[in-house]
Amino acid sequence: MSLVATLLSAADWYEWTGLIIATAAVLGIALKTFRWARPIARKMDAALEVLVGHGEEPANTVNGTPARPAVPGIGARVARIEETLPTLVEAVDRLAKNEERLGRVEARVTALEEQAVERVVTKVESTAAWLAVEAVANQGGEHESPQIEE
């Protein structure tokens, strides 16, 4: 018997049809699982990349994608943060001291402004008083002014 005759025989035909349907079903299930599992795998890959880091990737000259710089793992990043933490604490302490100092300076400036306003008001009042004295002195031109003898 030839191969074609074997494939076309009734018993073999049912076996081959069942095999093809089973293979298609398995492939369909695998494809559906792959479509469902791919986003999860990508998220897991991204999480792993955050934890472990990645090396520098070269630029893609075909489509012009720029190079991704190397990213250290989370352990190296936390270590670097721990190294810079004392500097940050010192900077925050300096900011707090500067804020206190600024409050004292603002109080002093406010006091100086009040004194300057008082001086201006006093000067204006004093000038007005002297002008009043001068006006009174000029009204009585008939009276002699007392002379101071030396």
C-alpha atoms as a PDB file:
ATOM      1  CA  MET A   1       0.000   0.000   0.000  1.00  0.00           C
ATOM      2  CA  SER A   2       1.137   3.434  -0.760  1.00  0.00           C
ATOM      3  CA  LEU A   3       1.327   6.255   1.736  1.00  0.00           C
ATOM      4  CA  VAL A   4      -1.689   8.010   0.235  1.00  0.00           C
ATOM      5  CA  ALA A   5      -3.750   4.824   0.485  1.00  0.00           C
ATOM      6  CA  THR A   6      -2.719   4.457   4.097  1.00  0.00           C
ATOM      7  CA  LEU A   7      -3.646   8.065   4.900  1.00  0.00           C
ATOM      8  CA  LEU A   8      -6.998   7.734   3.190  1.00  0.00           C
ATOM      9  CA  SER A   9      -8.092   4.566   4.867  1.00  0.00           C
ATOM     10  CA  ALA A  10     -11.060   5.049   7.175  1.00  0.00           C
ATOM     11  CA  ALA A  11      -9.399   3.973  10.429  1.00  0.00           C
ATOM     12  CA  ASP A  12      -6.280   5.991   9.822  1.00  0.00           C
ATOM     13  CA  TRP A  13      -8.341   8.992   8.750  1.00  0.00           C
ATOM     14  CA  TYR A  14     -10.083   9.175  12.111  1.00  0.00           C
ATOM     15  CA  GLU A  15      -6.785   8.852  13.955  1.00  0.00           C
ATOM     16  CA  TRP A  16      -5.155  11.614  11.917  1.00  0.00           C
ATOM     17  CA  THR A  17      -8.189  13.879  12.316  1.00  0.00           C
ATOM     18  CA  GLY A  18      -8.178  13.342  16.075  1.00  0.00           C
ATOM     19  CA  LEU A  19      -4.450  13.985  16.204  1.00  0.00           C
ATOM     20  CA  ILE A  20      -4.799  17.220  14.200  1.00  0.00           C
ATOM     21  CA  ILE A  21      -7.699  18.434  16.371  1.00  0.00           C
ATOM     22  CA  ALA A  22      -5.829  17.581  19.590  1.00  0.00           C
ATOM     23  CA  THR A  23      -2.690  19.335  18.325  1.00  0.00           C
ATOM     24  CA  ALA A  24      -4.703  22.411  17.363  1.00  0.00           C
ATOM     25  CA  ALA A  25      -6.393  22.437  20.768  1.00  0.00           C
ATOM     26  CA  VAL A  26      -3.056  22.145  22.590  1.00  0.00           C
ATOM     27  CA  LEU A  27      -1.560  24.920  20.437  1.00  0.00           C
ATOM     28  CA  GLY A  28      -4.623  27.123  21.034  1.00  0.00           C
ATOM     29  CA  ILE A  29      -4.426  26.603  24.782  1.00  0.00           C
ATOM     30  CA  ALA A  30      -0.674  27.277  24.736  1.00  0.00           C
ATOM     31  CA  LEU A  31      -1.196  30.423  22.670  1.00  0.00           C
ATOM     32  CA  LYS A  32      -3.960  31.639  24.984  1.00  0.00           C
ATOM     33  CA  THR A  33      -1.797  30.907  28.029  1.00  0.00           C
ATOM     34  CA  PHE A  34       1.138  32.672  26.382  1.00  0.00           C
ATOM     35  CA  ARG A  35      -0.996  35.759  25.687  1.00  0.00           C
ATOM     36  CA  TRP A  36      -2.231  35.727  29.274  1.00  0.00           C
ATOM     37  CA  ALA A  37       1.162  35.012  30.799  1.00  0.00           C
ATOM     38  CA  ARG A  38       3.209  37.463  28.700  1.00  0.00           C
ATOM     39  CA  PRO A  39       2.151  40.633  30.604  1.00  0.00           C
ATOM     40  CA  ILE A  40       2.797  38.894  33.905  1.00  0.00           C
ATOM     41  CA  ALA A  41       6.213  37.771  32.689  1.00  0.00           C
ATOM     42  CA  ARG A  42       7.019  41.316  31.548  1.00  0.00           C
ATOM     43  CA  LYS A  43       6.024  42.734  34.926  1.00  0.00           C
ATOM     44  CA  MET A  44       8.130  40.122  36.700  1.00  0.00           C
ATOM     45  CA  ASP A  45      11.038  40.947  34.414  1.00  0.00           C
ATOM     46  CA  ALA A  46      10.679  44.665  35.173  1.00  0.00           C
ATOM     47  CA  ALA A  47      10.542  43.962  38.910  1.00  0.00           C
ATOM     48  CA  LEU A  48      13.638  41.795  38.664  1.00  0.00           C
ATOM     49  CA  GLU A  49      15.408  44.530  36.692  1.00  0.00           C
ATOM     50  CA  VAL A  50      14.591  47.039  39.443  1.00  0.00           C
ATOM     51  CA  LEU A  51      15.984  44.753  42.101  1.00  0.00           C
ATOM     52  CA  VAL A  52      19.058  43.506  40.274  1.00  0.00           C
ATOM     53  CA  GLY A  53      19.678  46.393  37.870  1.00  0.00           C
ATOM     54  CA  HIS A  54      20.975  46.096  34.323  1.00  0.00           C
ATOM     55  CA  GLY A  55      24.065  46.939  32.377  1.00  0.00           C
ATOM     56  CA  GLU A  56      24.385  49.594  29.726  1.00  0.00           C
ATOM     57  CA  GLU A  57      22.741  48.697  26.455  1.00  0.00           C
ATOM     58  CA  PRO A  58      24.249  49.973  23.213  1.00  0.00           C
ATOM     59  CA  ALA A  59      22.268  52.285  20.958  1.00  0.00           C
ATOM     60  CA  ASN A  60      20.260  50.671  18.213  1.00  0.00           C
ATOM     61  CA  THR A  61      21.528  52.148  14.963  1.00  0.00           C
ATOM     62  CA  VAL A  62      18.753  50.584  12.879  1.00  0.00           C
ATOM     63  CA  ASN A  63      15.778  52.386  14.421  1.00  0.00           C
ATOM     64  CA  GLY A  64      17.670  55.106  16.310  1.00  0.00           C
ATOM     65  CA  THR A  65      16.728  53.985  19.803  1.00  0.00           C
ATOM     66  CA  PRO A  66      19.146  55.656  22.236  1.00  0.00           C
ATOM     67  CA  ALA A  67      21.310  53.655  24.595  1.00  0.00           C
ATOM     68  CA  ARG A  68      19.937  52.885  28.043  1.00  0.00           C
ATOM     69  CA  PRO A  69      22.434  53.767  30.750  1.00  0.00           C
ATOM     70  CA  ALA A  70      23.411  51.162  33.286  1.00  0.00           C
ATOM     71  CA  VAL A  71      21.242  51.067  36.411  1.00  0.00           C
ATOM     72  CA  PRO A  72      22.694  49.582  39.591  1.00  0.00           C
ATOM     73  CA  GLY A  73      20.716  47.148  41.674  1.00  0.00           C
ATOM     74  CA  ILE A  74      18.589  48.235  44.601  1.00  0.00           C
ATOM     75  CA  GLY A  75      21.294  47.288  47.094  1.00  0.00           C
ATOM     76  CA  ALA A  76      23.790  49.699  45.529  1.00  0.00           C
ATOM     77  CA  ARG A  77      21.184  52.459  45.351  1.00  0.00           C
ATOM     78  CA  VAL A  78      20.207  52.037  49.017  1.00  0.00           C
ATOM     79  CA  ALA A  79      23.896  52.053  49.985  1.00  0.00           C
ATOM     80  CA  ARG A  80      24.405  55.322  48.103  1.00  0.00           C
ATOM     81  CA  ILE A  81      21.388  56.842  49.855  1.00  0.00           C
ATOM     82  CA  GLU A  82      22.750  55.724  53.223  1.00  0.00           C
ATOM     83  CA  GLU A  83      26.078  57.372  52.363  1.00  0.00           C
ATOM     84  CA  THR A  84      24.404  60.692  51.534  1.00  0.00           C
ATOM     85  CA  LEU A  85      21.972  60.632  54.464  1.00  0.00           C
ATOM     86  CA  PRO A  86      24.342  62.404  56.920  1.00  0.00           C
ATOM     87  CA  THR A  87      24.800  65.207  54.391  1.00  0.00           C
ATOM     88  CA  LEU A  88      21.030  65.533  54.034  1.00  0.00           C
ATOM     89  CA  VAL A  89      20.568  65.615  57.814  1.00  0.00           C
ATOM     90  CA  GLU A  90      23.223  68.330  58.084  1.00  0.00           C
ATOM     91  CA  ALA A  91      21.559  70.358  55.317  1.00  0.00           C
ATOM     92  CA  VAL A  92      18.144  70.129  57.004  1.00  0.00           C
ATOM     93  CA  ASP A  93      19.729  71.179  60.313  1.00  0.00           C
ATOM     94  CA  ARG A  94      21.323  74.205  58.609  1.00  0.00           C
ATOM     95  CA  LEU A  95      17.983  75.119  57.045  1.00  0.00           C
ATOM     96  CA  ALA A  96      16.301  75.001  60.455  1.00  0.00           C
ATOM     97  CA  LYS A  97      19.018  77.212  61.966  1.00  0.00           C
ATOM     98  CA  ASN A  98      18.753  79.638  59.038  1.00  0.00           C
ATOM     99  CA  GLU A  99      15.008  79.825  59.525  1.00  0.00           C
ATOM    100  CA  GLU A 100      15.479  80.706  63.202  1.00  0.00           C
ATOM    101  CA  ARG A 101      18.090  83.308  62.259  1.00  0.00           C
ATOM    102  CA  LEU A 102      15.778  84.743  59.610  1.00  0.00           C
ATOM    103  CA  GLY A 103      13.043  85.103  62.221  1.00  0.00           C
ATOM    104  CA  ARG A 104      15.406  87.039  64.504  1.00  0.00           C
ATOM    105  CA  VAL A 105      16.535  89.252  61.599  1.00  0.00           C
ATOM    106  CA  GLU A 106      12.923  89.949  60.619  1.00  0.00           C
ATOM    107  CA  ALA A 107      12.160  91.016  64.211  1.00  0.00           C
ATOM    108  CA  ARG A 108      15.165  93.368  64.202  1.00  0.00           C
ATOM    109  CA  VAL A 109      14.216  94.836  60.809  1.00  0.00           C
ATOM    110  CA  THR A 110      10.660  95.411  62.022  1.00  0.00           C
ATOM    111  CA  ALA A 111      12.009  97.229  65.104  1.00  0.00           C
ATOM    112  CA  LEU A 112      14.298  99.357  62.926  1.00  0.00           C
ATOM    113  CA  GLU A 113      11.412 100.235  60.597  1.00  0.00           C
ATOM    114  CA  GLU A 114       9.289 101.290  63.565  1.00  0.00           C
ATOM    115  CA  GLN A 115      12.141 103.452  64.859  1.00  0.00           C
ATOM    116  CA  ALA A 116      12.622 105.049  61.447  1.00  0.00           C
ATOM    117  CA  VAL A 117       8.907 105.839  61.197  1.00  0.00           C
ATOM    118  CA  GLU A 118       8.999 107.268  64.714  1.00  0.00           C
ATOM    119  CA  ARG A 119      12.011 109.434  63.798  1.00  0.00           C
ATOM    120  CA  VAL A 120      10.258 110.715  60.697  1.00  0.00           C
ATOM    121  CA  VAL A 121       7.071 111.454  62.619  1.00  0.00           C
ATOM    122  CA  THR A 122       9.067 113.078  65.422  1.00  0.00           C
ATOM    123  CA  LYS A 123      11.014 115.132  62.884  1.00  0.00           C
ATOM    124  CA  VAL A 124       7.810 116.271  61.210  1.00  0.00           C
ATOM    125  CA  GLU A 125       6.262 117.140  64.581  1.00  0.00           C
ATOM    126  CA  SER A 126       9.435 118.887  65.654  1.00  0.00           C
ATOM    127  CA  THR A 127       9.578 120.833  62.412  1.00  0.00           C
ATOM    128  CA  ALA A 128       5.932 121.815  62.814  1.00  0.00           C
ATOM    129  CA  ALA A 129       6.594 122.926  66.381  1.00  0.00           C
ATOM    130  CA  TRP A 130       9.558 125.051  65.349  1.00  0.00           C
ATOM    131  CA  LEU A 131       7.561 126.531  62.511  1.00  0.00           C
ATOM    132  CA  ALA A 132       4.836 127.404  65.024  1.00  0.00           C
ATOM    133  CA  VAL A 133       7.417 128.985  67.311  1.00  0.00           C
ATOM    134  CA  GLU A 134       8.819 130.940  64.361  1.00  0.00           C
ATOM    135  CA  ALA A 135       5.318 132.071  63.380  1.00  0.00           C
ATOM    136  CA  VAL A 136       4.625 133.266  66.912  1.00  0.00           C
ATOM    137  CA  ALA A 137       7.966 135.023  67.010  1.00  0.00           C
ATOM    138  CA  ASN A 138       7.324 136.742  63.689  1.00  0.00           C
ATOM    139  CA  GLN A 139       3.850 137.962  64.733  1.00  0.00           C
ATOM    140  CA  GLY A 140       5.074 140.105  67.539  1.00  0.00           C
ATOM    141  CA  GLY A 141       7.535 142.198  65.617  1.00  0.00           C
ATOM    142  CA  GLU A 142       6.964 145.138  68.009  1.00  0.00           C
ATOM    143  CA  HIS A 143       8.402 143.372  70.971  1.00  0.00           C
ATOM    144  CA  GLU A 144      12.079 143.201  71.265  1.00  0.00           C
ATOM    145  CA  SER A 145      13.661 139.848  71.433  1.00  0.00           C
ATOM    146  CA  PRO A 146      15.774 139.269  74.463  1.00  0.00           C
ATOM    147  CA  GLN A 147      19.421 139.560  73.714  1.00  0.00           C
ATOM    148  CA  ILE A 148      21.876 137.148  75.155  1.00  0.00           C
ATOM    149  CA  GLU A 149      24.930 138.833  76.525  1.00  0.00           C
ATOM    150  CA  GLU A 150      28.174 137.169  76.555  1.00  0.00           C
END
